[in-house]
Amino acid sequence: MKTYVITGGTDGIGKALAFRYLRQGEEVVVVGRSAEKGTAWLAAAREQGAAERAHFVPADLGSVAENRAVIDALCASFGKLDALVLCARHFRTTRLVTAEGFENTFAHFYLSRFLLSHGLVELLEAADAPVILNVAGPGGTGEIAWEDLQLARAYDGQRALAQGGRLNDLLGVGFADAWPAARTRYVLVNPGTVNTSFSGQYTPAVQAQVDAIRRSAQPVEEAVRPLAAVLDDPPQAPLSALVQGAPLRVDGPGFEVASARRLRRDTELLLGGA
């Protein structure tokens, strides 16, 4: 039996993947902020006769402390992880600083994925063919504000997400660079526009735009297929990227090792005080 950990697993792509692998007889751990949605996930698993294989870990992934608690809980409960699927994302029109002093989008969309990726290596390496699937939109054109990573001077919700996508590209590069002998494969995925819940805090105007996008977006079930293909048969390369199922080169602009190393140093300095 394989074990899958899925952040953002109570909605959208994460939820579809969670139920897919539960139906296949695997063990699935969903990590999410909403206790109500977690309870609904467990109830649905129970109805499918899979209660013993379904787990919910409540956590606000915008919190460094709660990410670390998730890592501790998983290490205490499991001997291996076959896959870590990073799906959680939350849009904020206005800038919010967490109780730990981090800008929320930066913390939720990037710091959480950094912590979970590196913090669960030992469990992943105990599996036969481990993989990290980071659903973050590789190959984006957003700029990285190296001197203001948390956008204190010019926050914009779209800019924060675009930068987050670039940071996750470098996270993948940095993971492969930090663990050159690891068997864990790191895969960056952009599934395209998908009709998910679009979790976030929107102005009425932006909400109207989101509603219009959802009407023409691909169904979740369609978007999940290429992701499941990666999970079922991880690639041979330590790092790879896909955009709507098509390979994306990871040795060009936006995937520089020097930038990945710089980001890791900056991240570790930031986390040193949290």
Protein backbone atom coordinates (compact mmCIF):
# COMPACT_ATOMS: atom_id res chain seq x y z
CA MET A 1 0.00 0.00 0.00
CA LYS A 2 1.29 3.45 -0.93
CA THR A 3 0.91 6.57 1.21
CA TYR A 4 0.04 9.95 -0.30
CA VAL A 5 0.11 13.31 1.50
CA ILE A 6 -1.93 16.00 -0.24
CA THR A 7 -2.09 19.64 0.84
CA GLY A 8 -5.22 21.43 -0.26
CA GLY A 9 -6.84 18.01 -0.43
CA THR A 10 -10.32 19.11 0.64
CA ASP A 11 -11.00 21.05 -2.58
CA GLY A 12 -10.42 20.96 -6.30
CA ILE A 13 -7.46 19.07 -7.74
CA GLY A 14 -6.19 17.94 -4.35
CA LYS A 15 -9.57 16.51 -3.40
CA ALA A 16 -9.94 14.68 -6.71
CA LEU A 17 -6.50 13.13 -6.33
CA ALA A 18 -7.21 12.19 -2.72
CA PHE A 19 -10.35 10.26 -3.63
CA ARG A 20 -8.70 8.72 -6.70
CA TYR A 21 -5.99 7.09 -4.61
CA LEU A 22 -8.33 6.21 -1.80
CA ARG A 23 -10.49 4.30 -4.30
CA GLN A 24 -7.37 2.51 -5.51
CA GLY A 25 -6.75 1.15 -2.04
CA GLU A 26 -3.95 3.51 -1.02
CA GLU A 27 -3.51 5.43 2.23
CA VAL A 28 -4.20 9.15 1.89
CA VAL A 29 -3.42 12.01 4.25
CA VAL A 30 -5.15 15.30 3.51
CA VAL A 31 -3.78 18.50 5.03
CA GLY A 32 -6.08 21.50 5.21
CA ARG A 33 -7.20 24.49 7.20
CA SER A 34 -10.95 23.80 7.41
CA ALA A 35 -11.96 21.36 10.13
CA GLU A 36 -15.44 21.25 8.58
CA LYS A 37 -14.09 20.18 5.19
CA GLY A 38 -11.76 17.71 6.88
CA THR A 39 -14.69 16.14 8.69
CA ALA A 40 -16.60 15.90 5.40
CA TRP A 41 -13.58 14.22 3.74
CA LEU A 42 -13.36 11.63 6.50
CA ALA A 43 -17.12 11.01 6.36
CA ALA A 44 -16.97 10.45 2.59
CA ALA A 45 -14.05 8.05 3.06
CA ARG A 46 -16.05 6.19 5.68
CA GLU A 47 -18.97 5.83 3.27
CA GLN A 48 -16.56 4.27 0.78
CA GLY A 49 -15.40 1.77 3.38
CA ALA A 50 -11.96 3.36 3.54
CA ALA A 51 -12.04 5.04 6.94
CA GLU A 52 -8.90 3.27 8.15
CA ARG A 53 -6.91 4.55 5.13
CA ALA A 54 -8.09 8.18 5.23
CA HIS A 55 -6.51 10.78 7.48
CA PHE A 56 -6.97 14.50 7.97
CA VAL A 57 -4.32 16.78 9.48
CA PRO A 58 -5.68 20.26 10.30
CA ALA A 59 -3.19 23.03 9.65
CA ASP A 60 -2.99 26.64 8.53
CA LEU A 61 -0.19 26.31 5.98
CA GLY A 62 0.46 30.04 6.22
CA SER A 63 1.98 29.31 9.63
CA VAL A 64 5.58 28.12 9.84
CA ALA A 65 4.88 26.53 13.23
CA GLU A 66 1.90 24.59 11.88
CA ASN A 67 3.89 23.34 8.90
CA ARG A 68 6.53 22.07 11.29
CA ALA A 69 3.81 20.42 13.36
CA VAL A 70 2.52 18.67 10.23
CA ILE A 71 6.03 17.35 9.53
CA ASP A 72 6.35 16.11 13.11
CA ALA A 73 2.93 14.43 12.98
CA LEU A 74 3.71 12.65 9.71
CA CYS A 75 7.11 11.49 10.92
CA ALA A 76 5.50 10.12 14.08
CA SER A 77 2.75 8.28 12.21
CA PHE A 78 4.33 6.89 9.04
CA GLY A 79 7.45 4.99 8.09
CA LYS A 80 7.42 6.16 4.47
CA LEU A 81 5.68 8.50 2.06
CA ASP A 82 5.35 7.59 -1.59
CA ALA A 83 4.17 11.00 -2.72
CA LEU A 84 3.85 14.56 -1.45
CA VAL A 85 1.34 16.57 -3.49
CA LEU A 86 1.42 20.33 -2.93
CA CYS A 87 -1.85 21.87 -4.09
CA ALA A 88 -2.84 24.41 -1.44
CA ARG A 89 -3.16 28.00 -2.64
CA HIS A 90 -5.11 31.01 -1.41
CA PHE A 91 -5.46 34.39 -3.13
CA ARG A 92 -5.47 37.63 -1.18
CA THR A 93 -6.41 40.95 -2.74
CA THR A 94 -5.01 42.81 0.25
CA ARG A 95 -1.71 42.22 2.00
CA LEU A 96 -1.90 40.28 5.26
CA VAL A 97 0.97 39.70 7.70
CA THR A 98 0.77 36.53 9.77
CA ALA A 99 1.28 36.39 13.52
CA GLU A 100 4.80 35.14 12.79
CA GLY A 101 5.57 38.24 10.74
CA PHE A 102 5.40 36.80 7.21
CA GLU A 103 3.34 38.05 4.28
CA ASN A 104 0.56 35.48 3.96
CA THR A 105 0.83 34.58 0.28
CA PHE A 106 4.62 34.21 0.54
CA ALA A 107 4.21 32.03 3.63
CA HIS A 108 1.32 29.93 2.33
CA PHE A 109 2.36 29.49 -1.30
CA TYR A 110 6.13 29.30 -0.91
CA LEU A 111 7.42 28.87 2.65
CA SER A 112 5.00 26.00 3.33
CA ARG A 113 6.15 24.14 0.22
CA PHE A 114 9.80 24.73 1.11
CA LEU A 115 9.31 23.40 4.63
CA LEU A 116 7.31 20.34 3.60
CA SER A 117 9.55 19.48 0.65
CA HIS A 118 12.78 19.50 2.64
CA GLY A 119 11.25 18.42 5.95
CA LEU A 120 9.79 15.17 4.60
CA VAL A 121 12.80 13.94 2.62
CA GLU A 122 13.61 11.14 5.05
CA LEU A 123 10.09 9.69 4.82
CA LEU A 124 10.05 10.04 1.04
CA GLU A 125 13.42 8.36 0.64
CA ALA A 126 12.07 5.34 2.50
CA ALA A 127 9.65 4.64 -0.39
CA ASP A 128 10.45 2.72 -3.57
CA ALA A 129 9.76 5.48 -6.11
CA PRO A 130 9.07 8.70 -4.19
CA VAL A 131 7.85 11.87 -5.87
CA ILE A 132 6.98 15.44 -4.92
CA LEU A 133 4.32 16.96 -7.17
CA ASN A 134 4.30 20.75 -6.80
CA VAL A 135 1.24 22.26 -8.50
CA ALA A 136 2.41 25.85 -8.75
CA GLY A 137 2.47 26.95 -12.40
CA PRO A 138 6.07 26.51 -13.64
CA GLY A 139 7.50 28.70 -16.35
CA GLY A 140 5.65 31.86 -15.35
CA THR A 141 6.82 35.34 -16.28
CA GLY A 142 6.46 37.02 -12.88
CA GLU A 143 9.45 38.89 -11.52
CA ILE A 144 11.15 38.08 -8.23
CA ALA A 145 11.57 41.08 -5.95
CA TRP A 146 14.82 39.87 -4.45
CA GLU A 147 15.15 42.84 -2.12
CA ASP A 148 11.48 42.69 -1.09
CA LEU A 149 10.38 39.05 -1.29
CA GLN A 150 7.35 39.71 0.91
CA LEU A 151 6.24 42.69 -1.20
CA ALA A 152 6.06 45.15 1.67
CA ARG A 153 6.44 48.11 -0.69
CA ALA A 154 4.22 47.19 -3.62
CA TYR A 155 1.85 44.33 -2.82
CA ASP A 156 -0.63 43.15 -5.42
CA GLY A 157 -2.44 39.83 -5.19
CA GLN A 158 -1.70 38.76 -8.76
CA ARG A 159 1.91 39.86 -8.42
CA ALA A 160 2.26 37.87 -5.19
CA LEU A 161 0.98 34.68 -6.87
CA ALA A 162 3.11 35.23 -9.98
CA GLN A 163 6.21 35.68 -7.86
CA GLY A 164 5.21 32.62 -5.84
CA GLY A 165 5.18 30.55 -9.01
CA ARG A 166 8.73 31.67 -9.81
CA LEU A 167 9.87 30.94 -6.26
CA ASN A 168 8.46 27.42 -6.52
CA ASP A 169 10.37 26.88 -9.76
CA LEU A 170 13.56 27.72 -7.87
CA LEU A 171 12.41 25.55 -4.96
CA GLY A 172 12.38 22.58 -7.34
CA VAL A 173 15.84 23.46 -8.67
CA GLY A 174 17.10 23.97 -5.14
CA PHE A 175 15.68 20.66 -3.94
CA ALA A 176 17.47 18.72 -6.69
CA ASP A 177 20.64 20.69 -5.95
CA ALA A 178 20.45 20.11 -2.18
CA TRP A 179 19.72 16.37 -2.45
CA PRO A 180 21.77 15.21 -5.46
CA ALA A 181 21.79 11.56 -4.37
CA ALA A 182 18.09 11.42 -3.47
CA ARG A 183 15.71 9.05 -5.23
CA THR A 184 12.85 11.50 -4.72
CA ARG A 185 11.75 13.07 -7.99
CA TYR A 186 10.59 16.69 -7.95
CA VAL A 187 7.93 17.56 -10.53
CA LEU A 188 6.60 21.08 -11.10
CA VAL A 189 3.17 21.15 -12.72
CA ASN A 190 0.98 23.78 -14.32
CA PRO A 191 -2.39 22.11 -15.01
CA GLY A 192 -3.77 25.15 -16.81
CA THR A 193 -6.98 26.91 -15.82
CA VAL A 194 -9.12 24.52 -13.82
CA ASN A 195 -12.65 24.93 -12.46
CA THR A 196 -11.71 24.69 -8.78
CA SER A 197 -12.94 26.64 -5.78
CA PHE A 198 -10.38 29.45 -6.39
CA SER A 199 -9.90 29.82 -2.64
CA GLY A 200 -9.27 33.44 -1.76
CA GLN A 201 -10.26 36.87 -0.58
CA TYR A 202 -11.47 38.91 -3.56
CA THR A 203 -12.92 42.31 -4.27
CA PRO A 204 -16.33 42.16 -6.00
CA ALA A 205 -14.73 43.12 -9.34
CA VAL A 206 -12.07 40.41 -9.11
CA GLN A 207 -14.67 37.88 -7.94
CA ALA A 208 -16.67 38.58 -11.10
CA GLN A 209 -13.55 37.90 -13.18
CA VAL A 210 -12.94 34.66 -11.31
CA ASP A 211 -16.52 33.54 -11.89
CA ALA A 212 -16.11 34.18 -15.62
CA ILE A 213 -12.86 32.22 -15.71
CA ARG A 214 -14.46 29.26 -13.95
CA ARG A 215 -17.22 29.03 -16.55
CA SER A 216 -14.69 28.31 -19.33
CA ALA A 217 -12.09 26.40 -17.28
CA GLN A 218 -11.41 22.69 -17.74
CA PRO A 219 -13.11 20.28 -15.34
CA VAL A 220 -11.12 19.05 -12.37
CA GLU A 221 -11.43 15.44 -13.54
CA GLU A 222 -9.74 16.33 -16.83
CA ALA A 223 -6.92 18.25 -15.15
CA VAL A 224 -6.19 15.41 -12.74
CA ARG A 225 -5.35 12.80 -15.37
CA PRO A 226 -1.84 14.02 -16.32
CA LEU A 227 -1.04 14.62 -12.65
CA ALA A 228 -2.04 11.09 -11.74
CA ALA A 229 0.12 9.80 -14.60
CA VAL A 230 3.15 11.46 -12.99
CA LEU A 231 2.31 10.05 -9.57
CA ASP A 232 1.78 6.57 -10.98
CA ASP A 233 5.02 6.60 -12.97
CA PRO A 234 7.46 9.28 -11.71
CA PRO A 235 9.98 10.55 -14.26
CA GLN A 236 13.61 9.47 -14.22
CA ALA A 237 15.03 13.00 -14.02
CA PRO A 238 15.56 14.48 -10.53
CA LEU A 239 13.65 17.61 -11.61
CA SER A 240 11.07 18.01 -14.34
CA ALA A 241 8.22 20.35 -15.23
CA LEU A 242 4.96 20.02 -17.13
CA VAL A 243 2.57 22.62 -18.50
CA GLN A 244 -0.81 21.06 -19.29
CA GLY A 245 0.90 17.72 -19.81
CA ALA A 246 3.67 19.05 -22.09
CA PRO A 247 7.30 18.96 -20.87
CA LEU A 248 8.96 22.25 -19.99
CA ARG A 249 12.74 22.61 -19.96
CA VAL A 250 14.19 23.18 -16.50
CA ASP A 251 17.64 24.34 -17.55
CA GLY A 252 16.77 27.72 -19.00
CA PRO A 253 15.78 31.17 -17.70
CA GLY A 254 13.93 31.01 -14.42
CA PHE A 255 15.60 27.76 -13.38
CA GLU A 256 19.13 28.99 -12.63
CA VAL A 257 20.98 27.02 -9.94
CA ALA A 258 22.68 30.18 -8.65
CA SER A 259 19.28 31.84 -8.12
CA ALA A 260 17.95 28.70 -6.41
CA ARG A 261 20.90 28.71 -4.02
CA ARG A 262 20.39 32.40 -3.30
CA LEU A 263 16.71 31.80 -2.57
CA ARG A 264 17.48 28.91 -0.24
CA ARG A 265 19.99 31.03 1.70
CA ASP A 266 17.48 33.88 1.98
CA THR A 267 14.72 31.47 3.02
CA GLU A 268 16.83 29.83 5.71
CA LEU A 269 17.74 33.25 7.09
CA LEU A 270 14.06 34.20 7.25
CA LEU A 271 13.11 30.91 8.90
CA GLY A 272 15.92 31.18 11.38
CA GLY A 273 13.85 33.63 13.37
CA ALA A 274 10.61 31.65 13.22
